[in-house]
Amino acid sequence: MTRYTARPIPPTVLKELLDSDDAGRPAAPLTDPEGGAPLRCCLRRSEPGERIALVSYAPLRRRAAATGTDPGAYDEQGPVFVHAGDCAGPAGGELPFTNAHRVLRRYSAAGHILGGELVETPDAFQQAFAAAFTEPGVCLVQVRAVEFGCFLYEVERG
């Protein structure tokens, strides 16, 4: 069975977002008193006392700028938690944030949505990715939280 790798927000993008996020605002770092925020830079939950920031992030817009495409109306930005400074990135291993219902959104190379699927159990993720990447034209899958629709991470066709 193919294994899929979650792609976090890269360190260079993290630095940009802390300076000016995708809504044009500077980050407002805070100390997380309780922990548990889903960090998109290292794909783990924050620990109590860590310095984090909530920033606006537009993953399809950034992908479009890098590839010369135009996601059109699918260009959206939303809130994500990141470390308020340098981050070593993910430790690797299993797909993160699979302990709750998630939506897997499928996108074309141009950043246009091609469909989605509700994934309800951790065991269903691998099958959902396999099904998504067998569809013609799908090159990217975003994993999003069901409750708020927040972007968690993306997986590209390998």
C-alpha atoms as a PDB file:
ATOM      1  CA  MET A   1       0.000   0.000   0.000  1.00  0.00           C
ATOM      2  CA  THR A   2       1.255   3.468  -0.888  1.00  0.00           C
ATOM      3  CA  ARG A   3       2.077   5.698   2.048  1.00  0.00           C
ATOM      4  CA  TYR A   4       1.223   9.358   1.811  1.00  0.00           C
ATOM      5  CA  THR A   5       3.246  12.159   3.364  1.00  0.00           C
ATOM      6  CA  ALA A   6       1.706  15.263   4.890  1.00  0.00           C
ATOM      7  CA  ARG A   7       3.304  18.525   3.757  1.00  0.00           C
ATOM      8  CA  PRO A   8       3.546  21.193   6.460  1.00  0.00           C
ATOM      9  CA  ILE A   9       3.880  24.920   5.911  1.00  0.00           C
ATOM     10  CA  PRO A  10       7.536  25.236   4.819  1.00  0.00           C
ATOM     11  CA  PRO A  11      10.012  27.186   7.017  1.00  0.00           C
ATOM     12  CA  THR A  12      10.441  29.965   4.418  1.00  0.00           C
ATOM     13  CA  VAL A  13       6.663  30.455   4.257  1.00  0.00           C
ATOM     14  CA  LEU A  14       6.461  30.398   8.061  1.00  0.00           C
ATOM     15  CA  LYS A  15       8.889  33.332   8.215  1.00  0.00           C
ATOM     16  CA  GLU A  16       6.828  35.240   5.638  1.00  0.00           C
ATOM     17  CA  LEU A  17       3.576  34.588   7.514  1.00  0.00           C
ATOM     18  CA  LEU A  18       5.054  35.823  10.784  1.00  0.00           C
ATOM     19  CA  ASP A  19       6.169  39.044   9.085  1.00  0.00           C
ATOM     20  CA  SER A  20       2.940  39.578   7.144  1.00  0.00           C
ATOM     21  CA  ASP A  21       0.298  36.890   6.796  1.00  0.00           C
ATOM     22  CA  ASP A  22      -1.754  36.265   3.669  1.00  0.00           C
ATOM     23  CA  ALA A  23      -4.282  38.871   4.811  1.00  0.00           C
ATOM     24  CA  GLY A  24      -1.482  41.461   5.123  1.00  0.00           C
ATOM     25  CA  ARG A  25      -1.347  41.488   8.927  1.00  0.00           C
ATOM     26  CA  PRO A  26       1.712  40.951  11.120  1.00  0.00           C
ATOM     27  CA  ALA A  27       1.581  37.966  13.450  1.00  0.00           C
ATOM     28  CA  ALA A  28       0.501  38.550  17.047  1.00  0.00           C
ATOM     29  CA  PRO A  29       2.434  35.886  19.006  1.00  0.00           C
ATOM     30  CA  LEU A  30       1.017  34.555  22.236  1.00  0.00           C
ATOM     31  CA  THR A  31       1.932  31.996  24.845  1.00  0.00           C
ATOM     32  CA  ASP A  32      -0.412  29.023  24.600  1.00  0.00           C
ATOM     33  CA  PRO A  33      -1.570  28.452  28.193  1.00  0.00           C
ATOM     34  CA  GLU A  34      -3.276  25.088  27.647  1.00  0.00           C
ATOM     35  CA  GLY A  35      -1.652  23.582  24.551  1.00  0.00           C
ATOM     36  CA  GLY A  36      -3.505  21.577  21.953  1.00  0.00           C
ATOM     37  CA  ALA A  37      -3.488  24.006  19.019  1.00  0.00           C
ATOM     38  CA  PRO A  38      -2.892  22.169  15.709  1.00  0.00           C
ATOM     39  CA  LEU A  39       0.402  23.629  14.467  1.00  0.00           C
ATOM     40  CA  ARG A  40       0.673  23.623  10.666  1.00  0.00           C
ATOM     41  CA  CYS A  41       4.442  24.165  10.626  1.00  0.00           C
ATOM     42  CA  CYS A  42       5.341  20.919  12.391  1.00  0.00           C
ATOM     43  CA  LEU A  43       2.032  19.030  12.189  1.00  0.00           C
ATOM     44  CA  ARG A  44       1.610  18.391  15.884  1.00  0.00           C
ATOM     45  CA  ARG A  45      -0.387  19.905  18.697  1.00  0.00           C
ATOM     46  CA  SER A  46       1.155  22.720  20.719  1.00  0.00           C
ATOM     47  CA  GLU A  47       2.428  22.147  24.232  1.00  0.00           C
ATOM     48  CA  PRO A  48       1.386  24.343  27.191  1.00  0.00           C
ATOM     49  CA  GLY A  49       3.645  27.399  27.351  1.00  0.00           C
ATOM     50  CA  GLU A  50       4.761  27.324  23.681  1.00  0.00           C
ATOM     51  CA  ARG A  51       4.867  30.584  21.721  1.00  0.00           C
ATOM     52  CA  ILE A  52       2.449  30.351  18.824  1.00  0.00           C
ATOM     53  CA  ALA A  53       0.594  32.675  16.458  1.00  0.00           C
ATOM     54  CA  LEU A  54      -2.705  32.507  14.628  1.00  0.00           C
ATOM     55  CA  VAL A  55      -2.157  33.755  11.074  1.00  0.00           C
ATOM     56  CA  SER A  56      -4.121  33.879   7.846  1.00  0.00           C
ATOM     57  CA  TYR A  57      -2.875  31.410   5.226  1.00  0.00           C
ATOM     58  CA  ALA A  58      -3.834  31.001   1.549  1.00  0.00           C
ATOM     59  CA  PRO A  59      -2.315  27.675   0.407  1.00  0.00           C
ATOM     60  CA  LEU A  60      -3.803  27.639  -3.097  1.00  0.00           C
ATOM     61  CA  ARG A  61      -2.789  31.258  -3.728  1.00  0.00           C
ATOM     62  CA  ARG A  62       0.780  30.458  -2.734  1.00  0.00           C
ATOM     63  CA  ARG A  63       0.801  27.313  -4.876  1.00  0.00           C
ATOM     64  CA  ALA A  64      -0.600  29.284  -7.826  1.00  0.00           C
ATOM     65  CA  ALA A  65       2.105  31.940  -7.481  1.00  0.00           C
ATOM     66  CA  ALA A  66       4.783  29.223  -7.524  1.00  0.00           C
ATOM     67  CA  THR A  67       3.312  27.352 -10.516  1.00  0.00           C
ATOM     68  CA  GLY A  68       1.966  30.232 -12.614  1.00  0.00           C
ATOM     69  CA  THR A  69      -1.649  29.118 -12.334  1.00  0.00           C
ATOM     70  CA  ASP A  70      -4.800  30.889 -11.185  1.00  0.00           C
ATOM     71  CA  PRO A  71      -7.097  29.161  -8.693  1.00  0.00           C
ATOM     72  CA  GLY A  72      -9.774  31.758  -9.427  1.00  0.00           C
ATOM     73  CA  ALA A  73     -12.678  31.583  -7.012  1.00  0.00           C
ATOM     74  CA  TYR A  74     -11.037  28.677  -5.149  1.00  0.00           C
ATOM     75  CA  ASP A  75      -8.453  31.070  -3.737  1.00  0.00           C
ATOM     76  CA  GLU A  76      -9.307  31.236  -0.065  1.00  0.00           C
ATOM     77  CA  GLN A  77      -7.463  32.150   3.075  1.00  0.00           C
ATOM     78  CA  GLY A  78      -8.099  31.032   6.587  1.00  0.00           C
ATOM     79  CA  PRO A  79      -6.680  30.890  10.086  1.00  0.00           C
ATOM     80  CA  VAL A  80      -3.869  28.492  10.972  1.00  0.00           C
ATOM     81  CA  PHE A  81      -1.748  28.088  14.095  1.00  0.00           C
ATOM     82  CA  VAL A  82       2.042  28.154  13.665  1.00  0.00           C
ATOM     83  CA  HIS A  83       5.042  28.519  15.927  1.00  0.00           C
ATOM     84  CA  ALA A  84       5.816  32.182  16.629  1.00  0.00           C
ATOM     85  CA  GLY A  85       9.452  31.644  15.592  1.00  0.00           C
ATOM     86  CA  ASP A  86      11.657  29.054  13.972  1.00  0.00           C
ATOM     87  CA  CYS A  87      10.258  25.532  13.753  1.00  0.00           C
ATOM     88  CA  ALA A  88      12.168  22.294  13.185  1.00  0.00           C
ATOM     89  CA  GLY A  89       9.279  20.879  11.147  1.00  0.00           C
ATOM     90  CA  PRO A  90       7.514  17.574  11.597  1.00  0.00           C
ATOM     91  CA  ALA A  91       9.114  14.566  13.215  1.00  0.00           C
ATOM     92  CA  GLY A  92       7.744  12.379  10.424  1.00  0.00           C
ATOM     93  CA  GLY A  93       5.878   9.144  10.730  1.00  0.00           C
ATOM     94  CA  GLU A  94       2.139   8.709  10.590  1.00  0.00           C
ATOM     95  CA  LEU A  95      -0.294  11.198   9.099  1.00  0.00           C
ATOM     96  CA  PRO A  96      -1.178  13.821  11.728  1.00  0.00           C
ATOM     97  CA  PHE A  97      -4.572  14.981  12.973  1.00  0.00           C
ATOM     98  CA  THR A  98      -6.408  11.800  11.958  1.00  0.00           C
ATOM     99  CA  ASN A  99      -8.174  11.398  15.311  1.00  0.00           C
ATOM    100  CA  ALA A 100     -11.349  13.224  14.222  1.00  0.00           C
ATOM    101  CA  HIS A 101     -13.608  13.595  11.216  1.00  0.00           C
ATOM    102  CA  ARG A 102     -11.775  15.310   8.375  1.00  0.00           C
ATOM    103  CA  VAL A 103     -12.612  16.421   4.868  1.00  0.00           C
ATOM    104  CA  LEU A 104     -10.200  15.580   2.078  1.00  0.00           C
ATOM    105  CA  ARG A 105     -10.554  18.129  -0.744  1.00  0.00           C
ATOM    106  CA  ARG A 106      -9.160  17.151  -4.127  1.00  0.00           C
ATOM    107  CA  TYR A 107      -7.624  19.811  -6.401  1.00  0.00           C
ATOM    108  CA  SER A 108      -6.287  20.004  -9.956  1.00  0.00           C
ATOM    109  CA  ALA A 109      -2.828  21.332 -10.837  1.00  0.00           C
ATOM    110  CA  ALA A 110      -4.496  24.706 -11.514  1.00  0.00           C
ATOM    111  CA  GLY A 111      -5.932  24.788  -7.979  1.00  0.00           C
ATOM    112  CA  HIS A 112      -9.538  24.053  -8.924  1.00  0.00           C
ATOM    113  CA  ILE A 113     -11.528  21.820  -6.612  1.00  0.00           C
ATOM    114  CA  LEU A 114     -12.408  18.424  -8.053  1.00  0.00           C
ATOM    115  CA  GLY A 115     -14.349  16.977  -5.137  1.00  0.00           C
ATOM    116  CA  GLY A 116     -14.128  15.992  -1.535  1.00  0.00           C
ATOM    117  CA  GLU A 117     -14.665  13.166   0.893  1.00  0.00           C
ATOM    118  CA  LEU A 118     -15.554  12.966   4.553  1.00  0.00           C
ATOM    119  CA  VAL A 119     -13.139  10.655   6.394  1.00  0.00           C
ATOM    120  CA  GLU A 120     -14.484   9.446   9.703  1.00  0.00           C
ATOM    121  CA  THR A 121     -11.819   7.085  11.090  1.00  0.00           C
ATOM    122  CA  PRO A 122      -8.014   7.097  11.234  1.00  0.00           C
ATOM    123  CA  ASP A 123      -7.902   3.822   9.299  1.00  0.00           C
ATOM    124  CA  ALA A 124      -9.810   5.343   6.366  1.00  0.00           C
ATOM    125  CA  PHE A 125      -7.187   7.983   5.478  1.00  0.00           C
ATOM    126  CA  GLN A 126      -4.906   5.766   3.392  1.00  0.00           C
ATOM    127  CA  GLN A 127      -7.867   4.442   1.386  1.00  0.00           C
ATOM    128  CA  ALA A 128      -9.253   7.941   0.871  1.00  0.00           C
ATOM    129  CA  PHE A 129      -5.906   9.216  -0.452  1.00  0.00           C
ATOM    130  CA  ALA A 130      -5.546   6.187  -2.730  1.00  0.00           C
ATOM    131  CA  ALA A 131      -9.045   6.788  -4.132  1.00  0.00           C
ATOM    132  CA  ALA A 132      -8.394  10.514  -4.582  1.00  0.00           C
ATOM    133  CA  PHE A 133      -5.164  10.017  -6.503  1.00  0.00           C
ATOM    134  CA  THR A 134      -6.681   7.453  -8.876  1.00  0.00           C
ATOM    135  CA  GLU A 135      -9.002  10.164 -10.196  1.00  0.00           C
ATOM    136  CA  PRO A 136      -7.694  11.846 -13.364  1.00  0.00           C
ATOM    137  CA  GLY A 137      -6.481  15.367 -12.823  1.00  0.00           C
ATOM    138  CA  VAL A 138      -6.081  15.214  -9.053  1.00  0.00           C
ATOM    139  CA  CYS A 139      -2.612  16.401  -8.070  1.00  0.00           C
ATOM    140  CA  LEU A 140      -3.204  17.730  -4.559  1.00  0.00           C
ATOM    141  CA  VAL A 141      -5.363  16.783  -1.589  1.00  0.00           C
ATOM    142  CA  GLN A 142      -5.972  19.148   1.302  1.00  0.00           C
ATOM    143  CA  VAL A 143      -6.923  17.786   4.713  1.00  0.00           C
ATOM    144  CA  ARG A 144      -9.305  20.080   6.563  1.00  0.00           C
ATOM    145  CA  ALA A 145     -11.069  20.095   9.899  1.00  0.00           C
ATOM    146  CA  VAL A 146     -14.800  19.440   9.674  1.00  0.00           C
ATOM    147  CA  GLU A 147     -15.799  21.728  12.540  1.00  0.00           C
ATOM    148  CA  PHE A 148     -14.375  24.972  11.150  1.00  0.00           C
ATOM    149  CA  GLY A 149     -13.156  23.978   7.672  1.00  0.00           C
ATOM    150  CA  CYS A 150      -9.597  24.939   8.634  1.00  0.00           C
ATOM    151  CA  PHE A 151      -6.696  23.838   6.464  1.00  0.00           C
ATOM    152  CA  LEU A 152      -4.533  21.258   8.293  1.00  0.00           C
ATOM    153  CA  TYR A 153      -2.055  20.074   5.633  1.00  0.00           C
ATOM    154  CA  GLU A 154      -1.775  18.890   2.061  1.00  0.00           C
ATOM    155  CA  VAL A 155      -0.596  15.777   0.285  1.00  0.00           C
ATOM    156  CA  GLU A 156       0.635  15.869  -3.320  1.00  0.00           C
ATOM    157  CA  ARG A 157       0.540  13.156  -5.928  1.00  0.00           C
ATOM    158  CA  GLY A 158       3.756  11.194  -5.440  1.00  0.00           C
END
